[in-house]
């Protein structure tokens, strides 16, 4: 059986331009790539009492920094235990009567941006 031969360009494309694409939302990325492109939120103090500040890491584009969005506090079983909507980062969050433990933070911007972080409530 003969081995098929495929001719590609210098970018490894069978047809010109196959290496050009645009993504409008992180949700469009395959799960294996998504974690590489999702900014990690900065949280301080961490560990935190019932109040902490969430902000963008350095290098996030100005249009994302100005975007309105929502923050969700998620326990390690995947349950949303607190949520705040229509806010911009940095944001000081008083989470109230949330039990001590480790939580995930998720930012969802109204234009599709996504960022994640972690916080320990003590």
PDB file of N, CA and C in Angstrom:
ATOM      1  N   UNK A   1       0.843  -1.171   0.000  1.00  0.00           N
ATOM      2  CA  UNK A   1       0.000   0.000   0.000  1.00  0.00           C
ATOM      3  C   UNK A   1       0.891   1.238   0.000  1.00  0.00           C
ATOM      4  N   UNK A   2       0.602   2.146  -0.877  1.00  0.00           N
ATOM      5  CA  UNK A   2       1.391   3.369  -1.006  1.00  0.00           C
ATOM      6  C   UNK A   2       1.004   4.367   0.081  1.00  0.00           C
ATOM      7  N   UNK A   3       1.990   5.117   0.571  1.00  0.00           N
ATOM      8  CA  UNK A   3       1.743   6.171   1.554  1.00  0.00           C
ATOM      9  C   UNK A   3       1.282   7.418   0.806  1.00  0.00           C
ATOM     10  N   UNK A   4       0.129   7.994   1.223  1.00  0.00           N
ATOM     11  CA  UNK A   4      -0.344   9.198   0.536  1.00  0.00           C
ATOM     12  C   UNK A   4       0.610  10.362   0.765  1.00  0.00           C
ATOM     13  N   UNK A   5       0.740  11.204  -0.231  1.00  0.00           N
ATOM     14  CA  UNK A   5       1.606  12.371  -0.155  1.00  0.00           C
ATOM     15  C   UNK A   5       0.732  13.620  -0.200  1.00  0.00           C
ATOM     16  N   UNK A   6       0.923  14.503   0.764  1.00  0.00           N
ATOM     17  CA  UNK A   6       0.146  15.741   0.828  1.00  0.00           C
ATOM     18  C   UNK A   6       1.128  16.897   0.788  1.00  0.00           C
ATOM     19  N   UNK A   7       0.905  17.834  -0.093  1.00  0.00           N
ATOM     20  CA  UNK A   7       1.767  19.003  -0.220  1.00  0.00           C
ATOM     21  C   UNK A   7       1.205  20.129   0.648  1.00  0.00           C
ATOM     22  N   UNK A   8       2.078  20.732   1.468  1.00  0.00           N
ATOM     23  CA  UNK A   8       1.662  21.842   2.329  1.00  0.00           C
ATOM     24  C   UNK A   8       2.571  23.039   2.082  1.00  0.00           C
ATOM     25  N   UNK A   9       2.101  24.218   2.508  1.00  0.00           N
ATOM     26  CA  UNK A   9       2.936  25.408   2.393  1.00  0.00           C
ATOM     27  C   UNK A   9       3.851  25.509   3.620  1.00  0.00           C
ATOM     28  N   UNK A  10       4.575  26.616   3.759  1.00  0.00           N
ATOM     29  CA  UNK A  10       5.535  26.774   4.858  1.00  0.00           C
ATOM     30  C   UNK A  10       4.872  26.824   6.232  1.00  0.00           C
ATOM     31  N   UNK A  11       3.556  27.090   6.276  1.00  0.00           N
ATOM     32  CA  UNK A  11       2.821  27.127   7.541  1.00  0.00           C
ATOM     33  C   UNK A  11       2.163  25.790   7.859  1.00  0.00           C
ATOM     34  N   UNK A  12       2.354  24.793   6.978  1.00  0.00           N
ATOM     35  CA  UNK A  12       1.742  23.486   7.196  1.00  0.00           C
ATOM     36  C   UNK A  12       0.319  23.398   6.687  1.00  0.00           C
ATOM     37  N   UNK A  13      -0.078  24.359   5.854  1.00  0.00           N
ATOM     38  CA  UNK A  13      -1.449  24.409   5.350  1.00  0.00           C
ATOM     39  C   UNK A  13      -1.569  23.684   4.010  1.00  0.00           C
ATOM     40  N   UNK A  14      -2.662  22.956   3.854  1.00  0.00           N
ATOM     41  CA  UNK A  14      -2.963  22.327   2.572  1.00  0.00           C
ATOM     42  C   UNK A  14      -3.475  23.385   1.611  1.00  0.00           C
ATOM     43  N   UNK A  15      -4.283  24.317   2.107  1.00  0.00           N
ATOM     44  CA  UNK A  15      -4.760  25.427   1.286  1.00  0.00           C
ATOM     45  C   UNK A  15      -4.243  26.726   1.902  1.00  0.00           C
ATOM     46  N   UNK A  16      -3.868  27.703   1.089  1.00  0.00           N
ATOM     47  CA  UNK A  16      -3.313  28.953   1.614  1.00  0.00           C
ATOM     48  C   UNK A  16      -4.286  29.643   2.583  1.00  0.00           C
ATOM     49  N   UNK A  17      -3.712  30.157   3.670  1.00  0.00           N
ATOM     50  CA  UNK A  17      -4.518  30.910   4.624  1.00  0.00           C
ATOM     51  C   UNK A  17      -5.180  30.074   5.697  1.00  0.00           C
ATOM     52  N   UNK A  18      -4.907  28.757   5.733  1.00  0.00           N
ATOM     53  CA  UNK A  18      -5.586  27.933   6.739  1.00  0.00           C
ATOM     54  C   UNK A  18      -5.102  28.238   8.148  1.00  0.00           C
ATOM     55  N   UNK A  19      -3.963  28.935   8.268  1.00  0.00           N
ATOM     56  CA  UNK A  19      -3.449  29.273   9.586  1.00  0.00           C
ATOM     57  C   UNK A  19      -4.035  30.580  10.121  1.00  0.00           C
ATOM     58  N   UNK A  20      -4.904  31.221   9.370  1.00  0.00           N
ATOM     59  CA  UNK A  20      -5.513  32.483   9.786  1.00  0.00           C
ATOM     60  C   UNK A  20      -6.910  32.220  10.317  1.00  0.00           C
ATOM     61  N   UNK A  21      -7.171  32.681  11.522  1.00  0.00           N
ATOM     62  CA  UNK A  21      -8.494  32.533  12.108  1.00  0.00           C
ATOM     63  C   UNK A  21      -8.667  33.613  13.152  1.00  0.00           C
ATOM     64  N   UNK A  22      -9.885  33.850  13.536  1.00  0.00           N
ATOM     65  CA  UNK A  22     -10.137  34.794  14.612  1.00  0.00           C
ATOM     66  C   UNK A  22     -11.112  34.163  15.591  1.00  0.00           C
ATOM     67  N   UNK A  23     -10.915  34.490  16.834  1.00  0.00           N
ATOM     68  CA  UNK A  23     -11.771  33.979  17.892  1.00  0.00           C
ATOM     69  C   UNK A  23     -12.379  35.187  18.584  1.00  0.00           C
ATOM     70  N   UNK A  24     -13.669  35.189  18.733  1.00  0.00           N
ATOM     71  CA  UNK A  24     -14.329  36.320  19.376  1.00  0.00           C
ATOM     72  C   UNK A  24     -14.634  36.046  20.841  1.00  0.00           C
ATOM     73  N   UNK A  25     -14.510  34.800  21.261  1.00  0.00           N
ATOM     74  CA  UNK A  25     -14.781  34.444  22.647  1.00  0.00           C
ATOM     75  C   UNK A  25     -13.911  33.259  23.027  1.00  0.00           C
ATOM     76  N   UNK A  26     -13.466  33.233  24.271  1.00  0.00           N
ATOM     77  CA  UNK A  26     -12.684  32.104  24.763  1.00  0.00           C
ATOM     78  C   UNK A  26     -13.496  30.817  24.676  1.00  0.00           C
ATOM     79  N   UNK A  27     -14.821  30.922  24.769  1.00  0.00           N
ATOM     80  CA  UNK A  27     -15.678  29.738  24.695  1.00  0.00           C
ATOM     81  C   UNK A  27     -15.541  29.012  23.360  1.00  0.00           C
ATOM     82  N   UNK A  28     -15.048  29.698  22.316  1.00  0.00           N
ATOM     83  CA  UNK A  28     -14.879  29.080  21.009  1.00  0.00           C
ATOM     84  C   UNK A  28     -13.627  28.212  20.938  1.00  0.00           C
ATOM     85  N   UNK A  29     -12.735  28.336  21.919  1.00  0.00           N
ATOM     86  CA  UNK A  29     -11.519  27.532  21.921  1.00  0.00           C
ATOM     87  C   UNK A  29     -11.819  26.113  22.372  1.00  0.00           C
ATOM     88  N   UNK A  30     -11.069  25.135  21.869  1.00  0.00           N
ATOM     89  CA  UNK A  30     -11.207  23.777  22.405  1.00  0.00           C
ATOM     90  C   UNK A  30     -10.794  23.783  23.874  1.00  0.00           C
ATOM     91  N   UNK A  31     -11.400  22.940  24.705  1.00  0.00           N
ATOM     92  CA  UNK A  31     -11.075  22.923  26.139  1.00  0.00           C
ATOM     93  C   UNK A  31      -9.580  22.771  26.421  1.00  0.00           C
ATOM     94  N   UNK A  32      -8.865  22.027  25.590  1.00  0.00           N
ATOM     95  CA  UNK A  32      -7.432  21.823  25.820  1.00  0.00           C
ATOM     96  C   UNK A  32      -6.629  23.119  25.693  1.00  0.00           C
ATOM     97  N   UNK A  33      -7.132  24.089  24.929  1.00  0.00           N
ATOM     98  CA  UNK A  33      -6.437  25.365  24.752  1.00  0.00           C
ATOM     99  C   UNK A  33      -6.984  26.472  25.639  1.00  0.00           C
ATOM    100  N   UNK A  34      -8.225  26.341  26.084  1.00  0.00           N
ATOM    101  CA  UNK A  34      -8.909  27.411  26.809  1.00  0.00           C
ATOM    102  C   UNK A  34      -8.113  27.881  28.025  1.00  0.00           C
ATOM    103  N   UNK A  35      -7.573  26.949  28.811  1.00  0.00           N
ATOM    104  CA  UNK A  35      -6.869  27.328  30.045  1.00  0.00           C
ATOM    105  C   UNK A  35      -5.658  28.199  29.764  1.00  0.00           C
ATOM    106  N   UNK A  36      -5.021  28.033  28.607  1.00  0.00           N
ATOM    107  CA  UNK A  36      -3.846  28.832  28.269  1.00  0.00           C
ATOM    108  C   UNK A  36      -4.179  30.290  28.012  1.00  0.00           C
ATOM    109  N   UNK A  37      -5.401  30.581  27.590  1.00  0.00           N
ATOM    110  CA  UNK A  37      -5.766  31.921  27.161  1.00  0.00           C
ATOM    111  C   UNK A  37      -6.721  32.633  28.113  1.00  0.00           C
ATOM    112  N   UNK A  38      -7.061  32.008  29.222  1.00  0.00           N
ATOM    113  CA  UNK A  38      -7.962  32.628  30.189  1.00  0.00           C
ATOM    114  C   UNK A  38      -7.123  33.355  31.233  1.00  0.00           C
ATOM    115  N   UNK A  39      -7.261  34.697  31.331  1.00  0.00           N
ATOM    116  CA  UNK A  39      -6.481  35.428  32.339  1.00  0.00           C
ATOM    117  C   UNK A  39      -6.796  34.945  33.749  1.00  0.00           C
ATOM    118  N   UNK A  40      -5.781  34.954  34.600  1.00  0.00           N
ATOM    119  CA  UNK A  40      -5.922  34.549  35.995  1.00  0.00           C
ATOM    120  C   UNK A  40      -6.166  35.812  36.823  1.00  0.00           C
ATOM    121  N   UNK A  41      -7.339  35.910  37.443  1.00  0.00           N
ATOM    122  CA  UNK A  41      -7.676  37.071  38.259  1.00  0.00           C
ATOM    123  C   UNK A  41      -6.738  37.172  39.459  1.00  0.00           C
ATOM    124  N   UNK A  42      -6.430  38.398  39.852  1.00  0.00           N
ATOM    125  CA  UNK A  42      -5.640  38.622  41.064  1.00  0.00           C
ATOM    126  C   UNK A  42      -6.611  38.880  42.208  1.00  0.00           C
ATOM    127  N   UNK A  43      -6.354  38.244  43.340  1.00  0.00           N
ATOM    128  CA  UNK A  43      -7.225  38.345  44.515  1.00  0.00           C
ATOM    129  C   UNK A  43      -6.354  38.670  45.720  1.00  0.00           C
ATOM    130  N   UNK A  44      -6.763  39.668  46.486  1.00  0.00           N
ATOM    131  CA  UNK A  44      -6.031  39.993  47.706  1.00  0.00           C
ATOM    132  C   UNK A  44      -6.972  40.624  48.720  1.00  0.00           C
ATOM    133  N   UNK A  45      -6.740  40.416  50.019  1.00  0.00           N
ATOM    134  CA  UNK A  45      -5.791  39.444  50.544  1.00  0.00           C
ATOM    135  C   UNK A  45      -6.266  38.023  50.229  1.00  0.00           C
ATOM    136  N   UNK A  46      -5.361  37.099  50.200  1.00  0.00           N
ATOM    137  CA  UNK A  46      -5.701  35.709  49.922  1.00  0.00           C
ATOM    138  C   UNK A  46      -4.708  34.820  50.662  1.00  0.00           C
ATOM    139  N   UNK A  47      -5.140  34.116  51.703  1.00  0.00           N
ATOM    140  CA  UNK A  47      -6.496  33.894  52.194  1.00  0.00           C
ATOM    141  C   UNK A  47      -7.138  35.203  52.654  1.00  0.00           C
ATOM    142  N   UNK A  48      -8.470  35.197  52.594  1.00  0.00           N
ATOM    143  CA  UNK A  48      -9.234  36.416  52.853  1.00  0.00           C
ATOM    144  C   UNK A  48     -10.283  36.181  53.933  1.00  0.00           C
ATOM    145  N   UNK A  49     -10.608  37.267  54.658  1.00  0.00           N
ATOM    146  CA  UNK A  49     -11.798  37.187  55.500  1.00  0.00           C
ATOM    147  C   UNK A  49     -13.011  37.248  54.571  1.00  0.00           C
ATOM    148  N   UNK A  50     -14.114  37.737  55.004  1.00  0.00           N
ATOM    149  CA  UNK A  50     -15.321  37.807  54.181  1.00  0.00           C
ATOM    150  C   UNK A  50     -15.246  38.898  53.112  1.00  0.00           C
ATOM    151  N   UNK A  51     -14.174  39.677  53.089  1.00  0.00           N
ATOM    152  CA  UNK A  51     -14.015  40.766  52.108  1.00  0.00           C
ATOM    153  C   UNK A  51     -12.668  40.645  51.414  1.00  0.00           C
ATOM    154  N   UNK A  52     -12.675  40.794  50.078  1.00  0.00           N
ATOM    155  CA  UNK A  52     -11.438  40.744  49.302  1.00  0.00           C
ATOM    156  C   UNK A  52     -11.614  41.562  48.036  1.00  0.00           C
ATOM    157  N   UNK A  53     -10.497  41.869  47.392  1.00  0.00           N
ATOM    158  CA  UNK A  53     -10.495  42.646  46.156  1.00  0.00           C
ATOM    159  C   UNK A  53     -10.098  41.737  44.996  1.00  0.00           C
ATOM    160  N   UNK A  54     -10.809  41.892  43.886  1.00  0.00           N
ATOM    161  CA  UNK A  54     -10.527  41.144  42.664  1.00  0.00           C
ATOM    162  C   UNK A  54     -10.125  42.162  41.608  1.00  0.00           C
ATOM    163  N   UNK A  55      -9.000  41.906  40.916  1.00  0.00           N
ATOM    164  CA  UNK A  55      -8.575  42.811  39.860  1.00  0.00           C
ATOM    165  C   UNK A  55      -7.945  42.041  38.710  1.00  0.00           C
ATOM    166  N   UNK A  56      -7.770  42.746  37.596  1.00  0.00           N
ATOM    167  CA  UNK A  56      -7.153  42.156  36.404  1.00  0.00           C
ATOM    168  C   UNK A  56      -5.670  41.961  36.637  1.00  0.00           C
ATOM    169  N   UNK A  57      -5.083  40.931  36.028  1.00  0.00           N
ATOM    170  CA  UNK A  57      -3.625  40.811  36.061  1.00  0.00           C
ATOM    171  C   UNK A  57      -3.011  41.805  35.084  1.00  0.00           C
ATOM    172  N   UNK A  58      -1.709  42.075  35.194  1.00  0.00           N
ATOM    173  CA  UNK A  58      -1.057  42.952  34.216  1.00  0.00           C
ATOM    174  C   UNK A  58      -1.183  42.348  32.812  1.00  0.00           C
ATOM    175  N   UNK A  59      -1.269  43.226  31.817  1.00  0.00           N
ATOM    176  CA  UNK A  59      -1.279  42.771  30.433  1.00  0.00           C
ATOM    177  C   UNK A  59      -2.656  42.575  29.822  1.00  0.00           C
ATOM    178  N   UNK A  60      -3.723  42.744  30.600  1.00  0.00           N
ATOM    179  CA  UNK A  60      -5.068  42.609  30.036  1.00  0.00           C
ATOM    180  C   UNK A  60      -5.390  43.871  29.250  1.00  0.00           C
ATOM    181  N   UNK A  61      -5.955  43.703  28.076  1.00  0.00           N
ATOM    182  CA  UNK A  61      -6.258  44.824  27.183  1.00  0.00           C
ATOM    183  C   UNK A  61      -7.206  45.819  27.842  1.00  0.00           C
ATOM    184  N   UNK A  62      -7.035  47.089  27.486  1.00  0.00           N
ATOM    185  CA  UNK A  62      -7.836  48.166  28.069  1.00  0.00           C
ATOM    186  C   UNK A  62      -9.333  47.964  27.835  1.00  0.00           C
ATOM    187  N   UNK A  63      -9.724  47.476  26.653  1.00  0.00           N
ATOM    188  CA  UNK A  63     -11.156  47.289  26.392  1.00  0.00           C
ATOM    189  C   UNK A  63     -11.754  46.236  27.315  1.00  0.00           C
ATOM    190  N   UNK A  64     -10.984  45.209  27.699  1.00  0.00           N
ATOM    191  CA  UNK A  64     -11.480  44.225  28.667  1.00  0.00           C
ATOM    192  C   UNK A  64     -11.551  44.823  30.058  1.00  0.00           C
ATOM    193  N   UNK A  65     -10.576  45.664  30.411  1.00  0.00           N
ATOM    194  CA  UNK A  65     -10.570  46.282  31.739  1.00  0.00           C
ATOM    195  C   UNK A  65     -11.803  47.159  31.960  1.00  0.00           C
ATOM    196  N   UNK A  66     -12.315  47.759  30.890  1.00  0.00           N
ATOM    197  CA  UNK A  66     -13.457  48.665  31.014  1.00  0.00           C
ATOM    198  C   UNK A  66     -14.803  47.964  30.856  1.00  0.00           C
ATOM    199  N   UNK A  67     -14.783  46.695  30.503  1.00  0.00           N
ATOM    200  CA  UNK A  67     -16.010  45.950  30.224  1.00  0.00           C
ATOM    201  C   UNK A  67     -16.807  45.672  31.502  1.00  0.00           C
ATOM    202  N   UNK A  68     -18.123  45.825  31.398  1.00  0.00           N
ATOM    203  CA  UNK A  68     -19.010  45.408  32.479  1.00  0.00           C
ATOM    204  C   UNK A  68     -19.128  43.897  32.454  1.00  0.00           C
ATOM    205  N   UNK A  69     -19.313  43.307  33.626  1.00  0.00           N
ATOM    206  CA  UNK A  69     -19.463  41.861  33.672  1.00  0.00           C
ATOM    207  C   UNK A  69     -19.984  41.412  35.017  1.00  0.00           C
ATOM    208  N   UNK A  70     -19.879  40.117  35.255  1.00  0.00           N
ATOM    209  CA  UNK A  70     -20.339  39.554  36.517  1.00  0.00           C
ATOM    210  C   UNK A  70     -19.253  38.663  37.103  1.00  0.00           C
ATOM    211  N   UNK A  71     -19.254  38.575  38.421  1.00  0.00           N
ATOM    212  CA  UNK A  71     -18.338  37.708  39.155  1.00  0.00           C
ATOM    213  C   UNK A  71     -19.161  36.641  39.857  1.00  0.00           C
ATOM    214  N   UNK A  72     -18.659  35.408  39.798  1.00  0.00           N
ATOM    215  CA  UNK A  72     -19.313  34.313  40.512  1.00  0.00           C
ATOM    216  C   UNK A  72     -18.299  33.659  41.436  1.00  0.00           C
ATOM    217  N   UNK A  73     -18.745  33.339  42.636  1.00  0.00           N
ATOM    218  CA  UNK A  73     -17.960  32.595  43.612  1.00  0.00           C
ATOM    219  C   UNK A  73     -18.508  31.176  43.598  1.00  0.00           C
ATOM    220  N   UNK A  74     -17.652  30.203  43.280  1.00  0.00           N
ATOM    221  CA  UNK A  74     -18.082  28.829  43.042  1.00  0.00           C
ATOM    222  C   UNK A  74     -17.357  27.908  44.012  1.00  0.00           C
ATOM    223  N   UNK A  75     -18.114  27.052  44.713  1.00  0.00           N
ATOM    224  CA  UNK A  75     -17.457  26.109  45.619  1.00  0.00           C
ATOM    225  C   UNK A  75     -16.837  24.963  44.827  1.00  0.00           C
ATOM    226  N   UNK A  76     -16.087  24.102  45.501  1.00  0.00           N
ATOM    227  CA  UNK A  76     -15.357  23.040  44.801  1.00  0.00           C
ATOM    228  C   UNK A  76     -16.261  21.919  44.291  1.00  0.00           C
ATOM    229  N   UNK A  77     -17.558  21.979  44.609  1.00  0.00           N
ATOM    230  CA  UNK A  77     -18.521  21.043  44.032  1.00  0.00           C
ATOM    231  C   UNK A  77     -19.199  21.643  42.797  1.00  0.00           C
ATOM    232  N   UNK A  78     -18.770  22.868  42.419  1.00  0.00           N
ATOM    233  CA  UNK A  78     -19.307  23.513  41.222  1.00  0.00           C
ATOM    234  C   UNK A  78     -20.566  24.330  41.450  1.00  0.00           C
ATOM    235  N   UNK A  79     -20.963  24.530  42.700  1.00  0.00           N
ATOM    236  CA  UNK A  79     -22.166  25.317  43.015  1.00  0.00           C
ATOM    237  C   UNK A  79     -21.816  26.795  43.148  1.00  0.00           C
ATOM    238  N   UNK A  80     -22.628  27.643  42.547  1.00  0.00           N
ATOM    239  CA  UNK A  80     -22.452  29.090  42.682  1.00  0.00           C
ATOM    240  C   UNK A  80     -22.999  29.481  44.051  1.00  0.00           C
ATOM    241  N   UNK A  81     -22.120  30.040  44.901  1.00  0.00           N
ATOM    242  CA  UNK A  81     -22.542  30.408  46.249  1.00  0.00           C
ATOM    243  C   UNK A  81     -22.771  31.904  46.399  1.00  0.00           C
ATOM    244  N   UNK A  82     -22.247  32.694  45.472  1.00  0.00           N
ATOM    245  CA  UNK A  82     -22.482  34.142  45.479  1.00  0.00           C
ATOM    246  C   UNK A  82     -22.220  34.667  44.072  1.00  0.00           C
ATOM    247  N   UNK A  83     -22.935  35.733  43.723  1.00  0.00           N
ATOM    248  CA  UNK A  83     -22.767  36.320  42.394  1.00  0.00           C
ATOM    249  C   UNK A  83     -23.040  37.811  42.458  1.00  0.00           C
ATOM    250  N   UNK A  84     -22.237  38.570  41.718  1.00  0.00           N
ATOM    251  CA  UNK A  84     -22.430  40.013  41.586  1.00  0.00           C
ATOM    252  C   UNK A  84     -22.445  40.327  40.097  1.00  0.00           C
ATOM    253  N   UNK A  85     -23.399  41.153  39.676  1.00  0.00           N
ATOM    254  CA  UNK A  85     -23.542  41.478  38.252  1.00  0.00           C
ATOM    255  C   UNK A  85     -23.306  42.968  38.019  1.00  0.00           C
ATOM    256  N   UNK A  86     -23.092  43.307  36.751  1.00  0.00           N
ATOM    257  CA  UNK A  86     -22.919  44.685  36.290  1.00  0.00           C
ATOM    258  C   UNK A  86     -21.869  45.445  37.091  1.00  0.00           C
ATOM    259  N   UNK A  87     -20.647  44.948  37.015  1.00  0.00           N
ATOM    260  CA  UNK A  87     -19.546  45.596  37.723  1.00  0.00           C
ATOM    261  C   UNK A  87     -18.321  45.626  36.830  1.00  0.00           C
ATOM    262  N   UNK A  88     -17.364  46.423  37.235  1.00  0.00           N
ATOM    263  CA  UNK A  88     -16.059  46.487  36.572  1.00  0.00           C
ATOM    264  C   UNK A  88     -14.997  46.125  37.608  1.00  0.00           C
ATOM    265  N   UNK A  89     -13.889  45.608  37.115  1.00  0.00           N
ATOM    266  CA  UNK A  89     -12.772  45.314  37.999  1.00  0.00           C
ATOM    267  C   UNK A  89     -11.821  46.503  38.004  1.00  0.00           C
ATOM    268  N   UNK A  90     -11.153  46.822  39.099  1.00  0.00           N
ATOM    269  CA  UNK A  90     -11.126  46.094  40.350  1.00  0.00           C
ATOM    270  C   UNK A  90     -12.440  46.235  41.112  1.00  0.00           C
ATOM    271  N   UNK A  91     -12.719  45.202  41.921  1.00  0.00           N
ATOM    272  CA  UNK A  91     -13.967  45.165  42.666  1.00  0.00           C
ATOM    273  C   UNK A  91     -13.700  44.621  44.060  1.00  0.00           C
ATOM    274  N   UNK A  92     -14.165  45.346  45.076  1.00  0.00           N
ATOM    275  CA  UNK A  92     -14.055  44.870  46.451  1.00  0.00           C
ATOM    276  C   UNK A  92     -15.339  44.131  46.779  1.00  0.00           C
ATOM    277  N   UNK A  93     -15.206  42.865  47.140  1.00  0.00           N
ATOM    278  CA  UNK A  93     -16.377  42.007  47.326  1.00  0.00           C
ATOM    279  C   UNK A  93     -16.525  41.619  48.788  1.00  0.00           C
ATOM    280  N   UNK A  94     -17.682  41.942  49.345  1.00  0.00           N
ATOM    281  CA  UNK A  94     -18.076  41.495  50.684  1.00  0.00           C
ATOM    282  C   UNK A  94     -19.010  40.317  50.460  1.00  0.00           C
ATOM    283  N   UNK A  95     -18.524  39.100  50.664  1.00  0.00           N
ATOM    284  CA  UNK A  95     -19.304  37.917  50.288  1.00  0.00           C
ATOM    285  C   UNK A  95     -20.295  37.455  51.342  1.00  0.00           C
ATOM    286  N   UNK A  96     -20.257  38.031  52.534  1.00  0.00           N
ATOM    287  CA  UNK A  96     -21.268  37.686  53.539  1.00  0.00           C
ATOM    288  C   UNK A  96     -21.002  36.365  54.231  1.00  0.00           C
ATOM    289  N   UNK A  97     -22.049  35.601  54.429  1.00  0.00           N
ATOM    290  CA  UNK A  97     -21.976  34.368  55.219  1.00  0.00           C
ATOM    291  C   UNK A  97     -21.562  33.155  54.395  1.00  0.00           C
ATOM    292  N   UNK A  98     -20.416  33.243  53.753  1.00  0.00           N
ATOM    293  CA  UNK A  98     -19.890  32.117  52.978  1.00  0.00           C
ATOM    294  C   UNK A  98     -19.015  31.281  53.909  1.00  0.00           C
ATOM    295  N   UNK A  99     -19.228  29.974  53.950  1.00  0.00           N
ATOM    296  CA  UNK A  99     -18.414  29.122  54.829  1.00  0.00           C
ATOM    297  C   UNK A  99     -16.923  29.190  54.491  1.00  0.00           C
ATOM    298  N   UNK A 100     -16.091  28.946  55.489  1.00  0.00           N
ATOM    299  CA  UNK A 100     -14.655  28.869  55.295  1.00  0.00           C
ATOM    300  C   UNK A 100     -14.343  27.790  54.264  1.00  0.00           C
ATOM    301  N   UNK A 101     -13.378  28.078  53.386  1.00  0.00           N
ATOM    302  CA  UNK A 101     -12.988  27.074  52.399  1.00  0.00           C
ATOM    303  C   UNK A 101     -12.372  27.700  51.169  1.00  0.00           C
ATOM    304  N   UNK A 102     -12.057  26.847  50.200  1.00  0.00           N
ATOM    305  CA  UNK A 102     -11.458  27.292  48.944  1.00  0.00           C
ATOM    306  C   UNK A 102     -12.553  27.437  47.892  1.00  0.00           C
ATOM    307  N   UNK A 103     -12.463  28.518  47.099  1.00  0.00           N
ATOM    308  CA  UNK A 103     -13.477  28.817  46.095  1.00  0.00           C
ATOM    309  C   UNK A 103     -12.816  29.217  44.778  1.00  0.00           C
ATOM    310  N   UNK A 104     -13.542  29.013  43.713  1.00  0.00           N
ATOM    311  CA  UNK A 104     -13.130  29.482  42.398  1.00  0.00           C
ATOM    312  C   UNK A 104     -13.867  30.773  42.109  1.00  0.00           C
ATOM    313  N   UNK A 105     -13.218  31.693  41.414  1.00  0.00           N
ATOM    314  CA  UNK A 105     -13.842  32.932  40.959  1.00  0.00           C
ATOM    315  C   UNK A 105     -13.947  32.877  39.449  1.00  0.00           C
ATOM    316  N   UNK A 106     -15.060  33.345  38.920  1.00  0.00           N
ATOM    317  CA  UNK A 106     -15.219  33.392  37.475  1.00  0.00           C
ATOM    318  C   UNK A 106     -15.786  34.744  37.081  1.00  0.00           C
ATOM    319  N   UNK A 107     -15.090  35.421  36.178  1.00  0.00           N
ATOM    320  CA  UNK A 107     -15.532  36.698  35.603  1.00  0.00           C
ATOM    321  C   UNK A 107     -16.057  36.407  34.209  1.00  0.00           C
ATOM    322  N   UNK A 108     -17.251  36.900  33.918  1.00  0.00           N
ATOM    323  CA  UNK A 108     -17.823  36.818  32.571  1.00  0.00           C
ATOM    324  C   UNK A 108     -18.190  38.220  32.140  1.00  0.00           C
ATOM    325  N   UNK A 109     -17.515  38.714  31.115  1.00  0.00           N
ATOM    326  CA  UNK A 109     -17.818  40.035  30.590  1.00  0.00           C
ATOM    327  C   UNK A 109     -19.002  39.985  29.653  1.00  0.00           C
ATOM    328  N   UNK A 110     -19.678  41.105  29.511  1.00  0.00           N
ATOM    329  CA  UNK A 110     -20.862  41.140  28.645  1.00  0.00           C
ATOM    330  C   UNK A 110     -20.508  40.968  27.175  1.00  0.00           C
ATOM    331  N   UNK A 111     -19.230  41.124  26.821  1.00  0.00           N
ATOM    332  CA  UNK A 111     -18.798  40.907  25.433  1.00  0.00           C
ATOM    333  C   UNK A 111     -18.131  39.554  25.238  1.00  0.00           C
ATOM    334  N   UNK A 112     -18.244  38.660  26.227  1.00  0.00           N
ATOM    335  CA  UNK A 112     -17.727  37.311  26.070  1.00  0.00           C
ATOM    336  C   UNK A 112     -16.383  37.040  26.709  1.00  0.00           C
ATOM    337  N   UNK A 113     -15.762  38.038  27.328  1.00  0.00           N
ATOM    338  CA  UNK A 113     -14.466  37.768  27.956  1.00  0.00           C
ATOM    339  C   UNK A 113     -14.657  36.885  29.182  1.00  0.00           C
ATOM    340  N   UNK A 114     -13.611  36.161  29.521  1.00  0.00           N
ATOM    341  CA  UNK A 114     -13.649  35.221  30.631  1.00  0.00           C
ATOM    342  C   UNK A 114     -12.329  35.310  31.375  1.00  0.00           C
ATOM    343  N   UNK A 115     -12.393  35.279  32.704  1.00  0.00           N
ATOM    344  CA  UNK A 115     -11.201  35.215  33.543  1.00  0.00           C
ATOM    345  C   UNK A 115     -11.549  34.389  34.773  1.00  0.00           C
ATOM    346  N   UNK A 116     -10.542  33.754  35.349  1.00  0.00           N
ATOM    347  CA  UNK A 116     -10.779  32.902  36.510  1.00  0.00           C
ATOM    348  C   UNK A 116      -9.728  33.159  37.574  1.00  0.00           C
ATOM    349  N   UNK A 117     -10.057  32.779  38.788  1.00  0.00           N
ATOM    350  CA  UNK A 117      -9.140  32.909  39.890  1.00  0.00           C
ATOM    351  C   UNK A 117      -9.557  31.985  41.028  1.00  0.00           C
ATOM    352  N   UNK A 118      -8.799  32.050  42.124  1.00  0.00           N
ATOM    353  CA  UNK A 118      -9.082  31.242  43.307  1.00  0.00           C
ATOM    354  C   UNK A 118      -8.979  32.132  44.523  1.00  0.00           C
ATOM    355  N   UNK A 119      -9.766  31.803  45.534  1.00  0.00           N
ATOM    356  CA  UNK A 119      -9.681  32.524  46.801  1.00  0.00           C
ATOM    357  C   UNK A 119      -9.973  31.542  47.929  1.00  0.00           C
ATOM    358  N   UNK A 120      -9.273  31.739  49.043  1.00  0.00           N
ATOM    359  CA  UNK A 120      -9.504  30.962  50.249  1.00  0.00           C
ATOM    360  C   UNK A 120     -10.179  31.894  51.250  1.00  0.00           C
ATOM    361  N   UNK A 121     -11.387  31.525  51.661  1.00  0.00           N
ATOM    362  CA  UNK A 121     -12.112  32.289  52.689  1.00  0.00           C
ATOM    363  C   UNK A 121     -11.759  31.677  54.035  1.00  0.00           C
ATOM    364  N   UNK A 122     -11.293  32.531  54.966  1.00  0.00           N
ATOM    365  CA  UNK A 122     -10.934  32.001  56.286  1.00  0.00           C
ATOM    366  C   UNK A 122     -11.874  32.506  57.361  1.00  0.00           C
TER     367      UNK A 122
END
